[in-house]
């Protein structure tokens, strides 16, 4: 699994994204640079800190999506 920019997602994060649809939907809303930053946070974390980092990334991502629900929706102007 890769980010929008082609960065390989760590297995722990990939597993969360495939099992949690809400998290995956919110993840897809993130800019490529944000996805890359979160991937690096998890990849560089010590083994004992990975689960906490992963939960923090999940929380931040879902919170972002909740605060910006329509940010990436395409809007169409309807002409009548």
PDB file of N, CA and C in Angstrom:
ATOM      1  N   UNK A   1       0.852  -1.167   0.000  1.00  0.00           N
ATOM      2  CA  UNK A   1       0.000   0.000   0.000  1.00  0.00           C
ATOM      3  C   UNK A   1       0.904   1.239   0.000  1.00  0.00           C
ATOM      4  N   UNK A   2       0.486   2.261  -0.748  1.00  0.00           N
ATOM      5  CA  UNK A   2       1.272   3.482  -0.870  1.00  0.00           C
ATOM      6  C   UNK A   2       0.408   4.721  -0.645  1.00  0.00           C
ATOM      7  N   UNK A   3       1.080   5.836  -0.316  1.00  0.00           N
ATOM      8  CA  UNK A   3       0.410   7.120  -0.187  1.00  0.00           C
ATOM      9  C   UNK A   3       0.126   7.673  -1.575  1.00  0.00           C
ATOM     10  N   UNK A   4      -0.548   8.811  -1.641  1.00  0.00           N
ATOM     11  CA  UNK A   4      -0.825   9.456  -2.929  1.00  0.00           C
ATOM     12  C   UNK A   4       0.458   9.796  -3.678  1.00  0.00           C
ATOM     13  N   UNK A   5       1.525  10.093  -2.932  1.00  0.00           N
ATOM     14  CA  UNK A   5       2.797  10.479  -3.538  1.00  0.00           C
ATOM     15  C   UNK A   5       3.698   9.270  -3.813  1.00  0.00           C
ATOM     16  N   UNK A   6       3.246   8.083  -3.460  1.00  0.00           N
ATOM     17  CA  UNK A   6       4.013   6.879  -3.754  1.00  0.00           C
ATOM     18  C   UNK A   6       4.911   6.382  -2.632  1.00  0.00           C
ATOM     19  N   UNK A   7       4.787   6.949  -1.438  1.00  0.00           N
ATOM     20  CA  UNK A   7       5.564   6.494  -0.290  1.00  0.00           C
ATOM     21  C   UNK A   7       4.956   5.209   0.243  1.00  0.00           C
ATOM     22  N   UNK A   8       5.791   4.225   0.546  1.00  0.00           N
ATOM     23  CA  UNK A   8       5.305   2.954   1.062  1.00  0.00           C
ATOM     24  C   UNK A   8       4.801   3.122   2.490  1.00  0.00           C
ATOM     25  N   UNK A   9       3.614   2.626   2.744  1.00  0.00           N
ATOM     26  CA  UNK A   9       2.985   2.734   4.061  1.00  0.00           C
ATOM     27  C   UNK A   9       3.442   1.557   4.917  1.00  0.00           C
ATOM     28  N   UNK A  10       3.873   1.817   6.166  1.00  0.00           N
ATOM     29  CA  UNK A  10       4.293   0.728   7.054  1.00  0.00           C
ATOM     30  C   UNK A  10       3.160  -0.275   7.279  1.00  0.00           C
ATOM     31  N   UNK A  11       3.503  -1.533   7.520  1.00  0.00           N
ATOM     32  CA  UNK A  11       2.472  -2.582   7.665  1.00  0.00           C
ATOM     33  C   UNK A  11       1.438  -2.290   8.750  1.00  0.00           C
ATOM     34  N   UNK A  12       1.864  -1.708   9.869  1.00  0.00           N
ATOM     35  CA  UNK A  12       0.930  -1.419  10.956  1.00  0.00           C
ATOM     36  C   UNK A  12      -0.135  -0.418  10.508  1.00  0.00           C
ATOM     37  N   UNK A  13       0.291   0.607   9.816  1.00  0.00           N
ATOM     38  CA  UNK A  13      -0.640   1.627   9.320  1.00  0.00           C
ATOM     39  C   UNK A  13      -1.519   1.050   8.211  1.00  0.00           C
ATOM     40  N   UNK A  14      -0.930   0.272   7.333  1.00  0.00           N
ATOM     41  CA  UNK A  14      -1.694  -0.345   6.245  1.00  0.00           C
ATOM     42  C   UNK A  14      -2.786  -1.251   6.801  1.00  0.00           C
ATOM     43  N   UNK A  15      -2.475  -1.997   7.855  1.00  0.00           N
ATOM     44  CA  UNK A  15      -3.468  -2.887   8.467  1.00  0.00           C
ATOM     45  C   UNK A  15      -4.631  -2.079   9.048  1.00  0.00           C
ATOM     46  N   UNK A  16      -4.331  -0.971   9.707  1.00  0.00           N
ATOM     47  CA  UNK A  16      -5.383  -0.109  10.252  1.00  0.00           C
ATOM     48  C   UNK A  16      -6.256   0.475   9.146  1.00  0.00           C
ATOM     49  N   UNK A  17      -5.619   0.895   8.070  1.00  0.00           N
ATOM     50  CA  UNK A  17      -6.362   1.501   6.966  1.00  0.00           C
ATOM     51  C   UNK A  17      -7.291   0.497   6.288  1.00  0.00           C
ATOM     52  N   UNK A  18      -6.882  -0.754   6.224  1.00  0.00           N
ATOM     53  CA  UNK A  18      -7.731  -1.754   5.573  1.00  0.00           C
ATOM     54  C   UNK A  18      -8.864  -2.232   6.468  1.00  0.00           C
ATOM     55  N   UNK A  19      -8.687  -2.135   7.791  1.00  0.00           N
ATOM     56  CA  UNK A  19      -9.741  -2.626   8.687  1.00  0.00           C
ATOM     57  C   UNK A  19     -10.693  -1.535   9.164  1.00  0.00           C
ATOM     58  N   UNK A  20     -10.254  -0.291   9.171  1.00  0.00           N
ATOM     59  CA  UNK A  20     -11.075   0.811   9.680  1.00  0.00           C
ATOM     60  C   UNK A  20     -11.500   1.717   8.520  1.00  0.00           C
ATOM     61  N   UNK A  21     -12.732   1.554   8.072  1.00  0.00           N
ATOM     62  CA  UNK A  21     -13.223   2.315   6.912  1.00  0.00           C
ATOM     63  C   UNK A  21     -13.279   3.816   7.183  1.00  0.00           C
ATOM     64  N   UNK A  22     -13.617   4.194   8.393  1.00  0.00           N
ATOM     65  CA  UNK A  22     -13.674   5.619   8.743  1.00  0.00           C
ATOM     66  C   UNK A  22     -12.282   6.249   8.654  1.00  0.00           C
ATOM     67  N   UNK A  23     -11.298   5.546   9.159  1.00  0.00           N
ATOM     68  CA  UNK A  23      -9.918   6.016   9.106  1.00  0.00           C
ATOM     69  C   UNK A  23      -9.438   6.097   7.660  1.00  0.00           C
ATOM     70  N   UNK A  24      -9.755   5.093   6.858  1.00  0.00           N
ATOM     71  CA  UNK A  24      -9.348   5.070   5.444  1.00  0.00           C
ATOM     72  C   UNK A  24      -9.975   6.231   4.681  1.00  0.00           C
ATOM     73  N   UNK A  25     -11.235   6.481   4.933  1.00  0.00           N
ATOM     74  CA  UNK A  25     -11.925   7.580   4.260  1.00  0.00           C
ATOM     75  C   UNK A  25     -11.285   8.917   4.625  1.00  0.00           C
ATOM     76  N   UNK A  26     -10.977   9.096   5.900  1.00  0.00           N
ATOM     77  CA  UNK A  26     -10.329  10.327   6.355  1.00  0.00           C
ATOM     78  C   UNK A  26      -8.914  10.423   5.793  1.00  0.00           C
ATOM     79  N   UNK A  27      -8.213   9.305   5.737  1.00  0.00           N
ATOM     80  CA  UNK A  27      -6.845   9.263   5.203  1.00  0.00           C
ATOM     81  C   UNK A  27      -6.823   9.723   3.747  1.00  0.00           C
ATOM     82  N   UNK A  28      -7.804   9.304   2.995  1.00  0.00           N
ATOM     83  CA  UNK A  28      -7.879   9.667   1.582  1.00  0.00           C
ATOM     84  C   UNK A  28      -8.101  11.163   1.375  1.00  0.00           C
ATOM     85  N   UNK A  29      -8.600  11.859   2.395  1.00  0.00           N
ATOM     86  CA  UNK A  29      -8.814  13.301   2.303  1.00  0.00           C
ATOM     87  C   UNK A  29      -7.527  14.099   2.511  1.00  0.00           C
ATOM     88  N   UNK A  30      -6.531  13.481   3.154  1.00  0.00           N
ATOM     89  CA  UNK A  30      -5.302  14.201   3.482  1.00  0.00           C
ATOM     90  C   UNK A  30      -4.485  14.549   2.235  1.00  0.00           C
ATOM     91  N   UNK A  31      -3.775  15.658   2.334  1.00  0.00           N
ATOM     92  CA  UNK A  31      -2.831  16.034   1.280  1.00  0.00           C
ATOM     93  C   UNK A  31      -1.685  15.016   1.271  1.00  0.00           C
ATOM     94  N   UNK A  32      -1.043  14.820   0.124  1.00  0.00           N
ATOM     95  CA  UNK A  32       0.083  13.885   0.057  1.00  0.00           C
ATOM     96  C   UNK A  32       1.187  14.201   1.065  1.00  0.00           C
ATOM     97  N   UNK A  33       1.441  15.471   1.309  1.00  0.00           N
ATOM     98  CA  UNK A  33       2.492  15.842   2.263  1.00  0.00           C
ATOM     99  C   UNK A  33       2.126  15.421   3.685  1.00  0.00           C
ATOM    100  N   UNK A  34       0.857  15.508   4.042  1.00  0.00           N
ATOM    101  CA  UNK A  34       0.414  15.075   5.371  1.00  0.00           C
ATOM    102  C   UNK A  34       0.518  13.555   5.498  1.00  0.00           C
ATOM    103  N   UNK A  35       0.111  12.861   4.448  1.00  0.00           N
ATOM    104  CA  UNK A  35       0.238  11.404   4.472  1.00  0.00           C
ATOM    105  C   UNK A  35       1.700  11.004   4.661  1.00  0.00           C
ATOM    106  N   UNK A  36       2.595  11.661   3.938  1.00  0.00           N
ATOM    107  CA  UNK A  36       4.019  11.351   4.038  1.00  0.00           C
ATOM    108  C   UNK A  36       4.531  11.614   5.451  1.00  0.00           C
ATOM    109  N   UNK A  37       4.132  12.732   6.042  1.00  0.00           N
ATOM    110  CA  UNK A  37       4.554  13.066   7.400  1.00  0.00           C
ATOM    111  C   UNK A  37       4.089  12.002   8.387  1.00  0.00           C
ATOM    112  N   UNK A  38       2.850  11.582   8.290  1.00  0.00           N
ATOM    113  CA  UNK A  38       2.328  10.564   9.203  1.00  0.00           C
ATOM    114  C   UNK A  38       3.018   9.219   9.000  1.00  0.00           C
ATOM    115  N   UNK A  39       3.296   8.864   7.760  1.00  0.00           N
ATOM    116  CA  UNK A  39       4.004   7.613   7.471  1.00  0.00           C
ATOM    117  C   UNK A  39       5.390   7.652   8.110  1.00  0.00           C
ATOM    118  N   UNK A  40       6.068   8.778   7.978  1.00  0.00           N
ATOM    119  CA  UNK A  40       7.407   8.904   8.562  1.00  0.00           C
ATOM    120  C   UNK A  40       7.368   8.834  10.083  1.00  0.00           C
ATOM    121  N   UNK A  41       6.362   9.431  10.694  1.00  0.00           N
ATOM    122  CA  UNK A  41       6.235   9.367  12.161  1.00  0.00           C
ATOM    123  C   UNK A  41       6.153   7.926  12.635  1.00  0.00           C
ATOM    124  N   UNK A  42       5.351   7.135  11.951  1.00  0.00           N
ATOM    125  CA  UNK A  42       5.163   5.745  12.360  1.00  0.00           C
ATOM    126  C   UNK A  42       6.387   4.911  12.017  1.00  0.00           C
ATOM    127  N   UNK A  43       6.964   5.128  10.854  1.00  0.00           N
ATOM    128  CA  UNK A  43       8.127   4.350  10.434  1.00  0.00           C
ATOM    129  C   UNK A  43       9.337   4.596  11.338  1.00  0.00           C
ATOM    130  N   UNK A  44       9.498   5.816  11.825  1.00  0.00           N
ATOM    131  CA  UNK A  44      10.658   6.163  12.656  1.00  0.00           C
ATOM    132  C   UNK A  44      10.445   5.896  14.146  1.00  0.00           C
ATOM    133  N   UNK A  45       9.230   5.541  14.535  1.00  0.00           N
ATOM    134  CA  UNK A  45       8.929   5.331  15.953  1.00  0.00           C
ATOM    135  C   UNK A  45       9.611   4.065  16.487  1.00  0.00           C
ATOM    136  N   UNK A  46      10.009   4.142  17.755  1.00  0.00           N
ATOM    137  CA  UNK A  46      10.560   2.960  18.415  1.00  0.00           C
ATOM    138  C   UNK A  46       9.462   1.912  18.514  1.00  0.00           C
ATOM    139  N   UNK A  47       9.809   0.636  18.527  1.00  0.00           N
ATOM    140  CA  UNK A  47       8.791  -0.430  18.581  1.00  0.00           C
ATOM    141  C   UNK A  47       7.789  -0.266  19.722  1.00  0.00           C
ATOM    142  N   UNK A  48       8.262   0.158  20.884  1.00  0.00           N
ATOM    143  CA  UNK A  48       7.354   0.308  22.029  1.00  0.00           C
ATOM    144  C   UNK A  48       6.440   1.522  21.904  1.00  0.00           C
ATOM    145  N   UNK A  49       6.767   2.431  21.006  1.00  0.00           N
ATOM    146  CA  UNK A  49       5.960   3.643  20.832  1.00  0.00           C
ATOM    147  C   UNK A  49       5.078   3.598  19.577  1.00  0.00           C
ATOM    148  N   UNK A  50       5.242   2.579  18.743  1.00  0.00           N
ATOM    149  CA  UNK A  50       4.507   2.535  17.473  1.00  0.00           C
ATOM    150  C   UNK A  50       2.998   2.537  17.639  1.00  0.00           C
ATOM    151  N   UNK A  51       2.489   1.760  18.575  1.00  0.00           N
ATOM    152  CA  UNK A  51       1.028   1.703  18.714  1.00  0.00           C
ATOM    153  C   UNK A  51       0.472   3.052  19.175  1.00  0.00           C
ATOM    154  N   UNK A  52       1.198   3.748  20.047  1.00  0.00           N
ATOM    155  CA  UNK A  52       0.745   5.072  20.489  1.00  0.00           C
ATOM    156  C   UNK A  52       0.799   6.066  19.342  1.00  0.00           C
ATOM    157  N   UNK A  53       1.852   6.017  18.537  1.00  0.00           N
ATOM    158  CA  UNK A  53       1.969   6.912  17.380  1.00  0.00           C
ATOM    159  C   UNK A  53       0.853   6.629  16.380  1.00  0.00           C
ATOM    160  N   UNK A  54       0.594   5.353  16.155  1.00  0.00           N
ATOM    161  CA  UNK A  54      -0.451   4.963  15.217  1.00  0.00           C
ATOM    162  C   UNK A  54      -1.815   5.470  15.684  1.00  0.00           C
ATOM    163  N   UNK A  55      -2.095   5.346  16.965  1.00  0.00           N
ATOM    164  CA  UNK A  55      -3.371   5.831  17.499  1.00  0.00           C
ATOM    165  C   UNK A  55      -3.459   7.352  17.391  1.00  0.00           C
ATOM    166  N   UNK A  56      -2.347   8.040  17.595  1.00  0.00           N
ATOM    167  CA  UNK A  56      -2.332   9.500  17.474  1.00  0.00           C
ATOM    168  C   UNK A  56      -2.597   9.918  16.029  1.00  0.00           C
ATOM    169  N   UNK A  57      -1.956   9.245  15.072  1.00  0.00           N
ATOM    170  CA  UNK A  57      -2.172   9.546  13.654  1.00  0.00           C
ATOM    171  C   UNK A  57      -3.623   9.286  13.281  1.00  0.00           C
ATOM    172  N   UNK A  58      -4.166   8.189  13.757  1.00  0.00           N
ATOM    173  CA  UNK A  58      -5.569   7.856  13.486  1.00  0.00           C
ATOM    174  C   UNK A  58      -6.481   8.950  14.035  1.00  0.00           C
ATOM    175  N   UNK A  59      -6.235   9.358  15.268  1.00  0.00           N
ATOM    176  CA  UNK A  59      -7.040  10.387  15.916  1.00  0.00           C
ATOM    177  C   UNK A  59      -6.955  11.724  15.171  1.00  0.00           C
ATOM    178  N   UNK A  60      -5.746  12.143  14.818  1.00  0.00           N
ATOM    179  CA  UNK A  60      -5.563  13.403  14.098  1.00  0.00           C
ATOM    180  C   UNK A  60      -6.245  13.372  12.728  1.00  0.00           C
ATOM    181  N   UNK A  61      -6.138  12.250  12.051  1.00  0.00           N
ATOM    182  CA  UNK A  61      -6.703  12.119  10.712  1.00  0.00           C
ATOM    183  C   UNK A  61      -8.230  12.174  10.748  1.00  0.00           C
ATOM    184  N   UNK A  62      -8.824  11.442  11.657  1.00  0.00           N
ATOM    185  CA  UNK A  62     -10.286  11.431  11.768  1.00  0.00           C
ATOM    186  C   UNK A  62     -10.795  12.797  12.224  1.00  0.00           C
ATOM    187  N   UNK A  63     -10.060  13.446  13.133  1.00  0.00           N
ATOM    188  CA  UNK A  63     -10.434  14.775  13.585  1.00  0.00           C
ATOM    189  C   UNK A  63     -10.384  15.773  12.430  1.00  0.00           C
ATOM    190  N   UNK A  64      -9.354  15.691  11.606  1.00  0.00           N
ATOM    191  CA  UNK A  64      -9.215  16.571  10.443  1.00  0.00           C
ATOM    192  C   UNK A  64     -10.429  16.409   9.520  1.00  0.00           C
ATOM    193  N   UNK A  65     -10.777  15.162   9.240  1.00  0.00           N
ATOM    194  CA  UNK A  65     -11.910  14.897   8.344  1.00  0.00           C
ATOM    195  C   UNK A  65     -13.212  15.433   8.930  1.00  0.00           C
ATOM    196  N   UNK A  66     -13.363  15.350  10.243  1.00  0.00           N
ATOM    197  CA  UNK A  66     -14.579  15.846  10.887  1.00  0.00           C
ATOM    198  C   UNK A  66     -14.663  17.374  10.819  1.00  0.00           C
ATOM    199  N   UNK A  67     -13.505  18.041  10.903  1.00  0.00           N
ATOM    200  CA  UNK A  67     -13.493  19.509  10.860  1.00  0.00           C
ATOM    201  C   UNK A  67     -13.605  20.056   9.445  1.00  0.00           C
ATOM    202  N   UNK A  68     -13.277  19.244   8.444  1.00  0.00           N
ATOM    203  CA  UNK A  68     -13.308  19.692   7.044  1.00  0.00           C
ATOM    204  C   UNK A  68     -14.089  18.695   6.189  1.00  0.00           C
ATOM    205  N   UNK A  69     -15.361  18.525   6.457  1.00  0.00           N
ATOM    206  CA  UNK A  69     -16.122  17.472   5.780  1.00  0.00           C
ATOM    207  C   UNK A  69     -16.262  17.636   4.275  1.00  0.00           C
ATOM    208  N   UNK A  70     -16.315  18.843   3.779  1.00  0.00           N
ATOM    209  CA  UNK A  70     -16.532  19.028   2.351  1.00  0.00           C
ATOM    210  C   UNK A  70     -15.318  19.556   1.615  1.00  0.00           C
ATOM    211  N   UNK A  71     -14.161  19.501   2.231  1.00  0.00           N
ATOM    212  CA  UNK A  71     -12.978  20.146   1.663  1.00  0.00           C
ATOM    213  C   UNK A  71     -12.614  19.627   0.275  1.00  0.00           C
ATOM    214  N   UNK A  72     -12.744  18.347   0.062  1.00  0.00           N
ATOM    215  CA  UNK A  72     -12.300  17.796  -1.210  1.00  0.00           C
ATOM    216  C   UNK A  72     -13.443  17.362  -2.119  1.00  0.00           C
ATOM    217  N   UNK A  73     -14.662  17.753  -1.777  1.00  0.00           N
ATOM    218  CA  UNK A  73     -15.785  17.437  -2.655  1.00  0.00           C
ATOM    219  C   UNK A  73     -15.771  18.382  -3.843  1.00  0.00           C
ATOM    220  N   UNK A  74     -15.988  17.852  -5.001  1.00  0.00           N
ATOM    221  CA  UNK A  74     -16.067  18.696  -6.190  1.00  0.00           C
ATOM    222  C   UNK A  74     -17.417  19.394  -6.186  1.00  0.00           C
ATOM    223  N   UNK A  75     -17.378  20.670  -6.393  1.00  0.00           N
ATOM    224  CA  UNK A  75     -18.635  21.419  -6.430  1.00  0.00           C
ATOM    225  C   UNK A  75     -18.940  21.747  -7.877  1.00  0.00           C
ATOM    226  N   UNK A  76     -20.184  21.642  -8.202  1.00  0.00           N
ATOM    227  CA  UNK A  76     -20.630  21.982  -9.551  1.00  0.00           C
ATOM    228  C   UNK A  76     -21.645  23.099  -9.473  1.00  0.00           C
ATOM    229  N   UNK A  77     -21.472  24.023 -10.346  1.00  0.00           N
ATOM    230  CA  UNK A  77     -22.457  25.100 -10.422  1.00  0.00           C
ATOM    231  C   UNK A  77     -23.551  24.646 -11.376  1.00  0.00           C
ATOM    232  N   UNK A  78     -24.742  24.595 -10.868  1.00  0.00           N
ATOM    233  CA  UNK A  78     -25.866  24.154 -11.696  1.00  0.00           C
ATOM    234  C   UNK A  78     -26.475  25.360 -12.381  1.00  0.00           C
ATOM    235  N   UNK A  79     -26.495  25.283 -13.679  1.00  0.00           N
ATOM    236  CA  UNK A  79     -27.053  26.376 -14.465  1.00  0.00           C
ATOM    237  C   UNK A  79     -28.448  25.976 -14.901  1.00  0.00           C
ATOM    238  N   UNK A  80     -29.436  26.831 -14.617  1.00  0.00           N
ATOM    239  CA  UNK A  80     -30.792  26.485 -15.041  1.00  0.00           C
ATOM    240  C   UNK A  80     -31.357  27.527 -15.969  1.00  0.00           C
TER     241      UNK A  80
END
